[in-house]
PDB file of N, CA and C in Angstrom:
ATOM      1  N   MET A   1     116.332  88.017 103.632  1.00  0.00           N
ATOM      2  CA  MET A   1     115.625  88.384 104.704  1.00  0.00           C
ATOM      3  C   MET A   1     114.907  89.546 103.669  1.00  0.00           C
ATOM      4  N   ALA A   2     113.571  89.705 103.205  1.00  0.00           N
ATOM      5  CA  ALA A   2     113.019  91.152 102.981  1.00  0.00           C
ATOM      6  C   ALA A   2     112.830  91.741 104.095  1.00  0.00           C
ATOM      7  N   GLY A   3     112.732  92.750 103.238  1.00  0.00           N
ATOM      8  CA  GLY A   3     112.141  94.366 104.215  1.00  0.00           C
ATOM      9  C   GLY A   3     110.274  93.701 104.589  1.00  0.00           C
ATOM     10  N   THR A   4     110.181  93.086 105.603  1.00  0.00           N
ATOM     11  CA  THR A   4     109.324  92.614 105.667  1.00  0.00           C
ATOM     12  C   THR A   4     108.720  93.443 106.887  1.00  0.00           C
ATOM     13  N   GLY A   5     108.250  93.885 107.379  1.00  0.00           N
ATOM     14  CA  GLY A   5     107.180  94.436 108.423  1.00  0.00           C
ATOM     15  C   GLY A   5     107.747  95.958 108.846  1.00  0.00           C
ATOM     16  N   LYS A   6     108.842  96.189 110.063  1.00  0.00           N
ATOM     17  CA  LYS A   6     108.710  97.213 110.350  1.00  0.00           C
ATOM     18  C   LYS A   6     109.745  97.904 109.437  1.00  0.00           C
ATOM     19  N   TRP A   7     111.005  96.912 108.967  1.00  0.00           N
ATOM     20  CA  TRP A   7     111.745  97.734 108.372  1.00  0.00           C
ATOM     21  C   TRP A   7     112.326  97.197 107.565  1.00  0.00           C
ATOM     22  N   PRO A   8     113.205  98.163 106.441  1.00  0.00           N
ATOM     23  CA  PRO A   8     113.680  98.245 104.879  1.00  0.00           C
ATOM     24  C   PRO A   8     114.277  96.764 105.090  1.00  0.00           C
ATOM     25  N   ARG A   9     114.624  96.224 103.746  1.00  0.00           N
ATOM     26  CA  ARG A   9     115.611  95.081 103.929  1.00  0.00           C
ATOM     27  C   ARG A   9     117.017  95.892 103.783  1.00  0.00           C
ATOM     28  N   VAL A  10     118.086  95.034 104.737  1.00  0.00           N
ATOM     29  CA  VAL A  10     119.072  95.566 105.143  1.00  0.00           C
ATOM     30  C   VAL A  10     120.382  94.329 104.942  1.00  0.00           C
ATOM     31  N   ILE A  11     121.378  95.072 104.005  1.00  0.00           N
ATOM     32  CA  ILE A  11     122.128  93.907 103.564  1.00  0.00           C
ATOM     33  C   ILE A  11     123.632  94.609 104.208  1.00  0.00           C
ATOM     34  N   ILE A  12     124.701  93.794 104.635  1.00  0.00           N
ATOM     35  CA  ILE A  12     125.310  94.993 105.225  1.00  0.00           C
ATOM     36  C   ILE A  12     126.955  93.963 104.891  1.00  0.00           C
ATOM     37  N   PHE A  13     127.755  94.716 104.050  1.00  0.00           N
ATOM     38  CA  PHE A  13     128.870  94.172 103.345  1.00  0.00           C
ATOM     39  C   PHE A  13     130.037  94.334 104.120  1.00  0.00           C
ATOM     40  N   THR A  14     130.623  93.198 104.569  1.00  0.00           N
ATOM     41  CA  THR A  14     131.979  93.278 105.813  1.00  0.00           C
ATOM     42  C   THR A  14     133.179  92.559 105.115  1.00  0.00           C
ATOM     43  N   THR A  15     133.887  92.271 106.223  1.00  0.00           N
ATOM     44  CA  THR A  15     135.015  91.214 106.793  1.00  0.00           C
ATOM     45  C   THR A  15     134.902  90.830 107.855  1.00  0.00           C
ATOM     46  N   PRO A  16     135.988  89.968 107.940  1.00  0.00           N
ATOM     47  CA  PRO A  16     135.753  89.676 109.519  1.00  0.00           C
ATOM     48  C   PRO A  16     136.792  90.072 110.703  1.00  0.00           C
ATOM     49  N   ASN A  17     137.799  91.079 109.938  1.00  0.00           N
ATOM     50  CA  ASN A  17     138.544  91.805 110.380  1.00  0.00           C
ATOM     51  C   ASN A  17     138.038  93.118 110.410  1.00  0.00           C
ATOM     52  N   CYS A  18     136.949  93.776 110.548  1.00  0.00           N
ATOM     53  CA  CYS A  18     136.802  95.281 110.404  1.00  0.00           C
ATOM     54  C   CYS A  18     136.299  95.589 111.608  1.00  0.00           C
ATOM     55  N   PRO A  19     136.568  96.222 112.623  1.00  0.00           N
ATOM     56  CA  PRO A  19     136.435  96.784 113.932  1.00  0.00           C
ATOM     57  C   PRO A  19     135.300  97.437 113.575  1.00  0.00           C
ATOM     58  N   TRP A  20     134.664  98.333 112.130  1.00  0.00           N
ATOM     59  CA  TRP A  20     133.603  99.194 112.107  1.00  0.00           C
ATOM     60  C   TRP A  20     132.391  98.115 111.459  1.00  0.00           C
ATOM     61  N   CYS A  21     132.507  97.512 110.818  1.00  0.00           N
ATOM     62  CA  CYS A  21     131.753  96.511 110.367  1.00  0.00           C
ATOM     63  C   CYS A  21     130.982  95.502 111.929  1.00  0.00           C
ATOM     64  N   ARG A  22     132.093  95.228 112.773  1.00  0.00           N
ATOM     65  CA  ARG A  22     131.590  94.672 113.939  1.00  0.00           C
ATOM     66  C   ARG A  22     130.411  95.591 114.490  1.00  0.00           C
ATOM     67  N   ALA A  23     131.189  96.788 114.307  1.00  0.00           N
ATOM     68  CA  ALA A  23     130.339  98.318 115.527  1.00  0.00           C
ATOM     69  C   ALA A  23     129.148  98.124 114.736  1.00  0.00           C
ATOM     70  N   ALA A  24     128.842  98.277 113.761  1.00  0.00           N
ATOM     71  CA  ALA A  24     127.619  98.713 112.619  1.00  0.00           C
ATOM     72  C   ALA A  24     126.744  96.888 112.913  1.00  0.00           C
ATOM     73  N   LYS A  25     127.255  95.934 112.614  1.00  0.00           N
ATOM     74  CA  LYS A  25     126.124  94.805 112.819  1.00  0.00           C
ATOM     75  C   LYS A  25     125.622  94.601 114.757  1.00  0.00           C
ATOM     76  N   GLU A  26     126.685  95.198 115.664  1.00  0.00           N
ATOM     77  CA  GLU A  26     125.698  95.145 116.852  1.00  0.00           C
ATOM     78  C   GLU A  26     125.019  96.521 117.198  1.00  0.00           C
ATOM     79  N   TYR A  27     125.594  98.093 116.563  1.00  0.00           N
ATOM     80  CA  TYR A  27     124.685  99.086 116.328  1.00  0.00           C
ATOM     81  C   TYR A  27     122.977  98.310 115.569  1.00  0.00           C
ATOM     82  N   LEU A  28     122.789  97.718 115.027  1.00  0.00           N
ATOM     83  CA  LEU A  28     121.584  97.216 114.305  1.00  0.00           C
ATOM     84  C   LEU A  28     121.125  96.087 115.021  1.00  0.00           C
ATOM     85  N   ARG A  29     121.759  95.374 115.645  1.00  0.00           N
ATOM     86  CA  ARG A  29     121.014  94.246 116.854  1.00  0.00           C
ATOM     87  C   ARG A  29     120.528  94.694 118.290  1.00  0.00           C
ATOM     88  N   GLN A  30     121.019  95.964 118.715  1.00  0.00           N
ATOM     89  CA  GLN A  30     120.613  96.689 119.777  1.00  0.00           C
ATOM     90  C   GLN A  30     119.521  97.393 119.141  1.00  0.00           C
ATOM     91  N   ARG A  31     119.374  97.867 118.315  1.00  0.00           N
ATOM     92  CA  ARG A  31     117.699  98.333 117.725  1.00  0.00           C
ATOM     93  C   ARG A  31     116.965  97.377 117.006  1.00  0.00           C
ATOM     94  N   GLY A  32     117.533  96.017 116.862  1.00  0.00           N
ATOM     95  CA  GLY A  32     116.084  95.513 116.738  1.00  0.00           C
ATOM     96  C   GLY A  32     116.241  94.990 114.847  1.00  0.00           C
ATOM     97  N   VAL A  33     117.196  95.503 114.566  1.00  0.00           N
ATOM     98  CA  VAL A  33     117.093  95.886 113.294  1.00  0.00           C
ATOM     99  C   VAL A  33     117.388  94.226 112.234  1.00  0.00           C
ATOM    100  N   PRO A  34     116.811  93.420 111.552  1.00  0.00           N
ATOM    101  CA  PRO A  34     117.325  92.395 110.800  1.00  0.00           C
ATOM    102  C   PRO A  34     118.049  92.939 109.921  1.00  0.00           C
ATOM    103  N   PHE A  35     119.154  92.126 109.542  1.00  0.00           N
ATOM    104  CA  PHE A  35     119.797  92.480 108.188  1.00  0.00           C
ATOM    105  C   PHE A  35     120.788  90.715 107.624  1.00  0.00           C
ATOM    106  N   LYS A  36     121.193  90.931 106.480  1.00  0.00           N
ATOM    107  CA  LYS A  36     122.311  89.894 106.092  1.00  0.00           C
ATOM    108  C   LYS A  36     123.252  90.361 106.010  1.00  0.00           C
ATOM    109  N   GLU A  37     124.021  89.596 106.412  1.00  0.00           N
ATOM    110  CA  GLU A  37     125.523  89.934 106.203  1.00  0.00           C
ATOM    111  C   GLU A  37     126.066  88.905 105.025  1.00  0.00           C
ATOM    112  N   VAL A  38     126.473  89.748 104.013  1.00  0.00           N
ATOM    113  CA  VAL A  38     127.781  89.518 103.486  1.00  0.00           C
ATOM    114  C   VAL A  38     129.272  89.186 103.162  1.00  0.00           C
ATOM    115  N   ASP A  39     130.062  88.324 103.409  1.00  0.00           N
ATOM    116  CA  ASP A  39     131.120  88.627 104.106  1.00  0.00           C
ATOM    117  C   ASP A  39     132.060  88.687 102.243  1.00  0.00           C
ATOM    118  N   VAL A  40     132.721  89.738 102.056  1.00  0.00           N
ATOM    119  CA  VAL A  40     133.083  90.426 101.004  1.00  0.00           C
ATOM    120  C   VAL A  40     134.845  89.842 100.865  1.00  0.00           C
ATOM    121  N   SER A  41     135.082  88.434 101.623  1.00  0.00           N
ATOM    122  CA  SER A  41     136.582  88.711 101.512  1.00  0.00           C
ATOM    123  C   SER A  41     136.356  87.190 101.092  1.00  0.00           C
ATOM    124  N   ARG A  42     135.172  86.394 101.276  1.00  0.00           N
ATOM    125  CA  ARG A  42     134.448  85.179 101.058  1.00  0.00           C
ATOM    126  C   ARG A  42     134.028  84.691  99.580  1.00  0.00           C
ATOM    127  N   ASP A  43     133.504  86.061  99.472  1.00  0.00           N
ATOM    128  CA  ASP A  43     132.122  85.923  98.191  1.00  0.00           C
ATOM    129  C   ASP A  43     132.820  87.183  97.292  1.00  0.00           C
ATOM    130  N   ALA A  44     133.612  86.586  95.964  1.00  0.00           N
ATOM    131  CA  ALA A  44     134.409  87.709  95.115  1.00  0.00           C
ATOM    132  C   ALA A  44     133.209  88.258  94.211  1.00  0.00           C
ATOM    133  N   ALA A  45     132.535  87.610  94.128  1.00  0.00           N
ATOM    134  CA  ALA A  45     130.971  88.162  93.325  1.00  0.00           C
ATOM    135  C   ALA A  45     130.873  89.236  93.886  1.00  0.00           C
ATOM    136  N   ALA A  46     130.257  89.216  95.009  1.00  0.00           N
ATOM    137  CA  ALA A  46     130.000  90.103  95.893  1.00  0.00           C
ATOM    138  C   ALA A  46     131.068  91.184  96.082  1.00  0.00           C
ATOM    139  N   ALA A  47     132.171  91.351  96.167  1.00  0.00           N
ATOM    140  CA  ALA A  47     133.256  92.023  96.536  1.00  0.00           C
ATOM    141  C   ALA A  47     133.157  92.944  95.080  1.00  0.00           C
ATOM    142  N   ARG A  48     133.072  92.449  93.432  1.00  0.00           N
ATOM    143  CA  ARG A  48     133.042  92.759  92.888  1.00  0.00           C
ATOM    144  C   ARG A  48     131.407  93.518  92.475  1.00  0.00           C
ATOM    145  N   ASP A  49     130.775  93.033  92.516  1.00  0.00           N
ATOM    146  CA  ASP A  49     129.242  94.061  92.687  1.00  0.00           C
ATOM    147  C   ASP A  49     129.742  95.317  93.794  1.00  0.00           C
ATOM    148  N   LEU A  50     129.809  94.971  95.117  1.00  0.00           N
ATOM    149  CA  LEU A  50     130.251  96.262  95.967  1.00  0.00           C
ATOM    150  C   LEU A  50     130.675  97.174  94.994  1.00  0.00           C
ATOM    151  N   VAL A  51     131.991  97.101  94.305  1.00  0.00           N
ATOM    152  CA  VAL A  51     133.290  97.814  93.450  1.00  0.00           C
ATOM    153  C   VAL A  51     131.808  98.459  92.819  1.00  0.00           C
ATOM    154  N   ARG A  52     131.553  97.872  91.781  1.00  0.00           N
ATOM    155  CA  ARG A  52     130.906  98.243  90.477  1.00  0.00           C
ATOM    156  C   ARG A  52     129.553  99.020  91.521  1.00  0.00           C
ATOM    157  N   ARG A  53     128.888  98.989  92.689  1.00  0.00           N
ATOM    158  CA  ARG A  53     127.705  99.764  92.788  1.00  0.00           C
ATOM    159  C   ARG A  53     128.632 101.780  93.328  1.00  0.00           C
ATOM    160  N   THR A  54     129.557 100.817  94.446  1.00  0.00           N
ATOM    161  CA  THR A  54     129.796 102.427  94.742  1.00  0.00           C
ATOM    162  C   THR A  54     131.338 102.970  94.409  1.00  0.00           C
ATOM    163  N   GLY A  55     131.446 102.190  94.104  1.00  0.00           N
ATOM    164  CA  GLY A  55     133.037 102.545  93.300  1.00  0.00           C
ATOM    165  C   GLY A  55     134.391 102.834  94.076  1.00  0.00           C
ATOM    166  N   GLN A  56     134.592 101.544  95.550  1.00  0.00           N
ATOM    167  CA  GLN A  56     135.389 101.387  96.274  1.00  0.00           C
ATOM    168  C   GLN A  56     135.557 100.155  96.753  1.00  0.00           C
ATOM    169  N   MET A  57     136.448  99.987  97.768  1.00  0.00           N
ATOM    170  CA  MET A  57     136.915  98.580  98.289  1.00  0.00           C
ATOM    171  C   MET A  57     136.007  98.548  99.984  1.00  0.00           C
ATOM    172  N   GLY A  58     135.912  99.651 100.526  1.00  0.00           N
ATOM    173  CA  GLY A  58     136.211  99.796 101.502  1.00  0.00           C
ATOM    174  C   GLY A  58     134.652  99.098 102.219  1.00  0.00           C
ATOM    175  N   VAL A  59     134.814  98.835 103.763  1.00  0.00           N
ATOM    176  CA  VAL A  59     133.860  98.046 104.262  1.00  0.00           C
ATOM    177  C   VAL A  59     133.840  98.961 105.852  1.00  0.00           C
ATOM    178  N   PRO A  60     132.571  98.711 106.256  1.00  0.00           N
ATOM    179  CA  PRO A  60     131.045  98.328 106.243  1.00  0.00           C
ATOM    180  C   PRO A  60     130.546  99.049 105.132  1.00  0.00           C
ATOM    181  N   VAL A  61     129.873  98.278 104.354  1.00  0.00           N
ATOM    182  CA  VAL A  61     128.872  99.233 103.634  1.00  0.00           C
ATOM    183  C   VAL A  61     127.572  98.723 103.768  1.00  0.00           C
ATOM    184  N   LEU A  62     126.195  99.687 103.810  1.00  0.00           N
ATOM    185  CA  LEU A  62     125.034  99.038 103.810  1.00  0.00           C
ATOM    186  C   LEU A  62     124.377  99.196 102.950  1.00  0.00           C
ATOM    187  N   ASP A  63     123.430  98.651 102.282  1.00  0.00           N
ATOM    188  CA  ASP A  63     122.423  98.752 101.663  1.00  0.00           C
ATOM    189  C   ASP A  63     120.897  98.247 102.706  1.00  0.00           C
ATOM    190  N   ILE A  64     120.114  99.710 102.332  1.00  0.00           N
ATOM    191  CA  ILE A  64     119.062  99.568 103.415  1.00  0.00           C
ATOM    192  C   ILE A  64     117.885  99.962 102.571  1.00  0.00           C
ATOM    193  N   GLY A  65     116.789  99.495 102.208  1.00  0.00           N
ATOM    194  CA  GLY A  65     116.280  99.804 101.345  1.00  0.00           C
ATOM    195  C   GLY A  65     116.620 100.297  99.717  1.00  0.00           C
ATOM    196  N   GLY A  66     117.694  99.373  99.275  1.00  0.00           N
ATOM    197  CA  GLY A  66     118.298 100.310  97.778  1.00  0.00           C
ATOM    198  C   GLY A  66     119.153 100.911  98.247  1.00  0.00           C
ATOM    199  N   LYS A  67     119.567 101.625  99.167  1.00  0.00           N
ATOM    200  CA  LYS A  67     120.083 102.728  99.329  1.00  0.00           C
ATOM    201  C   LYS A  67     121.026 102.522  99.980  1.00  0.00           C
ATOM    202  N   ILE A  68     122.792 103.144  99.308  1.00  0.00           N
ATOM    203  CA  ILE A  68     123.706 102.925 100.089  1.00  0.00           C
ATOM    204  C   ILE A  68     124.221 103.724 100.959  1.00  0.00           C
ATOM    205  N   VAL A  69     124.931 102.984 101.884  1.00  0.00           N
ATOM    206  CA  VAL A  69     125.372 103.739 103.207  1.00  0.00           C
ATOM    207  C   VAL A  69     126.923 103.029 103.149  1.00  0.00           C
ATOM    208  N   ILE A  70     128.015 104.432 103.178  1.00  0.00           N
ATOM    209  CA  ILE A  70     129.101 103.840 102.718  1.00  0.00           C
ATOM    210  C   ILE A  70     129.945 104.657 103.862  1.00  0.00           C
ATOM    211  N   GLY A  71     130.747 103.345 104.935  1.00  0.00           N
ATOM    212  CA  GLY A  71     130.858 103.226 106.387  1.00  0.00           C
ATOM    213  C   GLY A  71     129.825 103.399 107.434  1.00  0.00           C
ATOM    214  N   PHE A  72     129.945 103.064 108.622  1.00  0.00           N
ATOM    215  CA  PHE A  72     129.156 103.372 110.011  1.00  0.00           C
ATOM    216  C   PHE A  72     129.358 104.723 109.863  1.00  0.00           C
ATOM    217  N   ASN A  73     128.154 105.451 109.188  1.00  0.00           N
ATOM    218  CA  ASN A  73     127.695 106.577 109.169  1.00  0.00           C
ATOM    219  C   ASN A  73     126.018 106.330 110.004  1.00  0.00           C
ATOM    220  N   ARG A  74     126.136 106.525 111.736  1.00  0.00           N
ATOM    221  CA  ARG A  74     124.773 106.130 112.216  1.00  0.00           C
ATOM    222  C   ARG A  74     124.218 107.374 112.067  1.00  0.00           C
ATOM    223  N   PRO A  75     123.776 108.590 111.646  1.00  0.00           N
ATOM    224  CA  PRO A  75     122.938 109.477 111.813  1.00  0.00           C
ATOM    225  C   PRO A  75     122.120 108.960 109.686  1.00  0.00           C
ATOM    226  N   GLN A  76     123.546 108.465 108.938  1.00  0.00           N
ATOM    227  CA  GLN A  76     122.224 107.976 107.356  1.00  0.00           C
ATOM    228  C   GLN A  76     121.776 106.914 107.884  1.00  0.00           C
ATOM    229  N   ILE A  77     122.376 106.134 108.349  1.00  0.00           N
ATOM    230  CA  ILE A  77     121.596 104.878 108.954  1.00  0.00           C
ATOM    231  C   ILE A  77     120.447 105.191 109.807  1.00  0.00           C
ATOM    232  N   ASP A  78     120.501 106.033 110.495  1.00  0.00           N
ATOM    233  CA  ASP A  78     118.863 106.440 111.499  1.00  0.00           C
ATOM    234  C   ASP A  78     118.161 106.559 109.890  1.00  0.00           C
ATOM    235  N   ALA A  79     118.663 107.787 109.829  1.00  0.00           N
ATOM    236  CA  ALA A  79     117.502 108.118 108.600  1.00  0.00           C
ATOM    237  C   ALA A  79     117.047 107.388 108.050  1.00  0.00           C
ATOM    238  N   LEU A  80     117.799 106.354 107.437  1.00  0.00           N
ATOM    239  CA  LEU A  80     117.084 105.469 106.337  1.00  0.00           C
ATOM    240  C   LEU A  80     116.163 104.469 106.892  1.00  0.00           C
ATOM    241  N   LEU A  81     116.456 104.233 108.363  1.00  0.00           N
ATOM    242  CA  LEU A  81     115.652 103.313 109.193  1.00  0.00           C
ATOM    243  C   LEU A  81     114.540 103.724 109.811  1.00  0.00           C
ATOM    244  N   GLY A  82     114.567 105.372 110.116  1.00  0.00           N
ATOM    245  CA  GLY A  82     113.543 105.764 110.438  1.00  0.00           C
ATOM    246  C   GLY A  82     113.552 105.537 111.960  1.00  0.00           C
ATOM    247  N   LEU A  83     114.979 105.881 112.267  1.00  0.00           N
ATOM    248  CA  LEU A  83     115.114 106.010 113.991  1.00  0.00           C
ATOM    249  C   LEU A  83     115.655 107.154 114.568  1.00  0.00           C
ATOM    250  N   ARG A  84     115.103 107.327 115.138  1.00  0.00           N
ATOM    251  CA  ARG A  84     115.454 108.412 116.271  1.00  0.00           C
ATOM    252  C   ARG A  84     116.807 108.112 116.808  1.00  0.00           C
ATOM    253  N   LYS A  85     117.270 109.608 117.992  1.00  0.00           N
ATOM    254  CA  LYS A  85     118.389 109.364 118.320  1.00  0.00           C
ATOM    255  C   LYS A  85     117.845 108.472 119.796  1.00  0.00           C
ATOM    256  N   LYS A  86     118.704 108.043 120.113  1.00  0.00           N
ATOM    257  CA  LYS A  86     118.247 107.111 121.820  1.00  0.00           C
ATOM    258  C   LYS A  86     119.254 108.256 122.824  1.00  0.00           C
TER     259      LYS A  86
END
């Protein structure tokens, strides 16, 4: 799912038991933002890549059009997606 149409490409790195990951995914869904989810607990290569790119192992991490957001940082996510406060 490339950055087609209205939205840049969004990838969210998650783990199954992460409440902030669930909140971030729900936030994107509510705003109609398509995303690709990568479960780093099941994908060791993705986990290594995440550490290489961010220097840490925490999730969620969002890649929005090539820009990294560490954690569920709504203001930063909104800014990168061009969303206004609702």
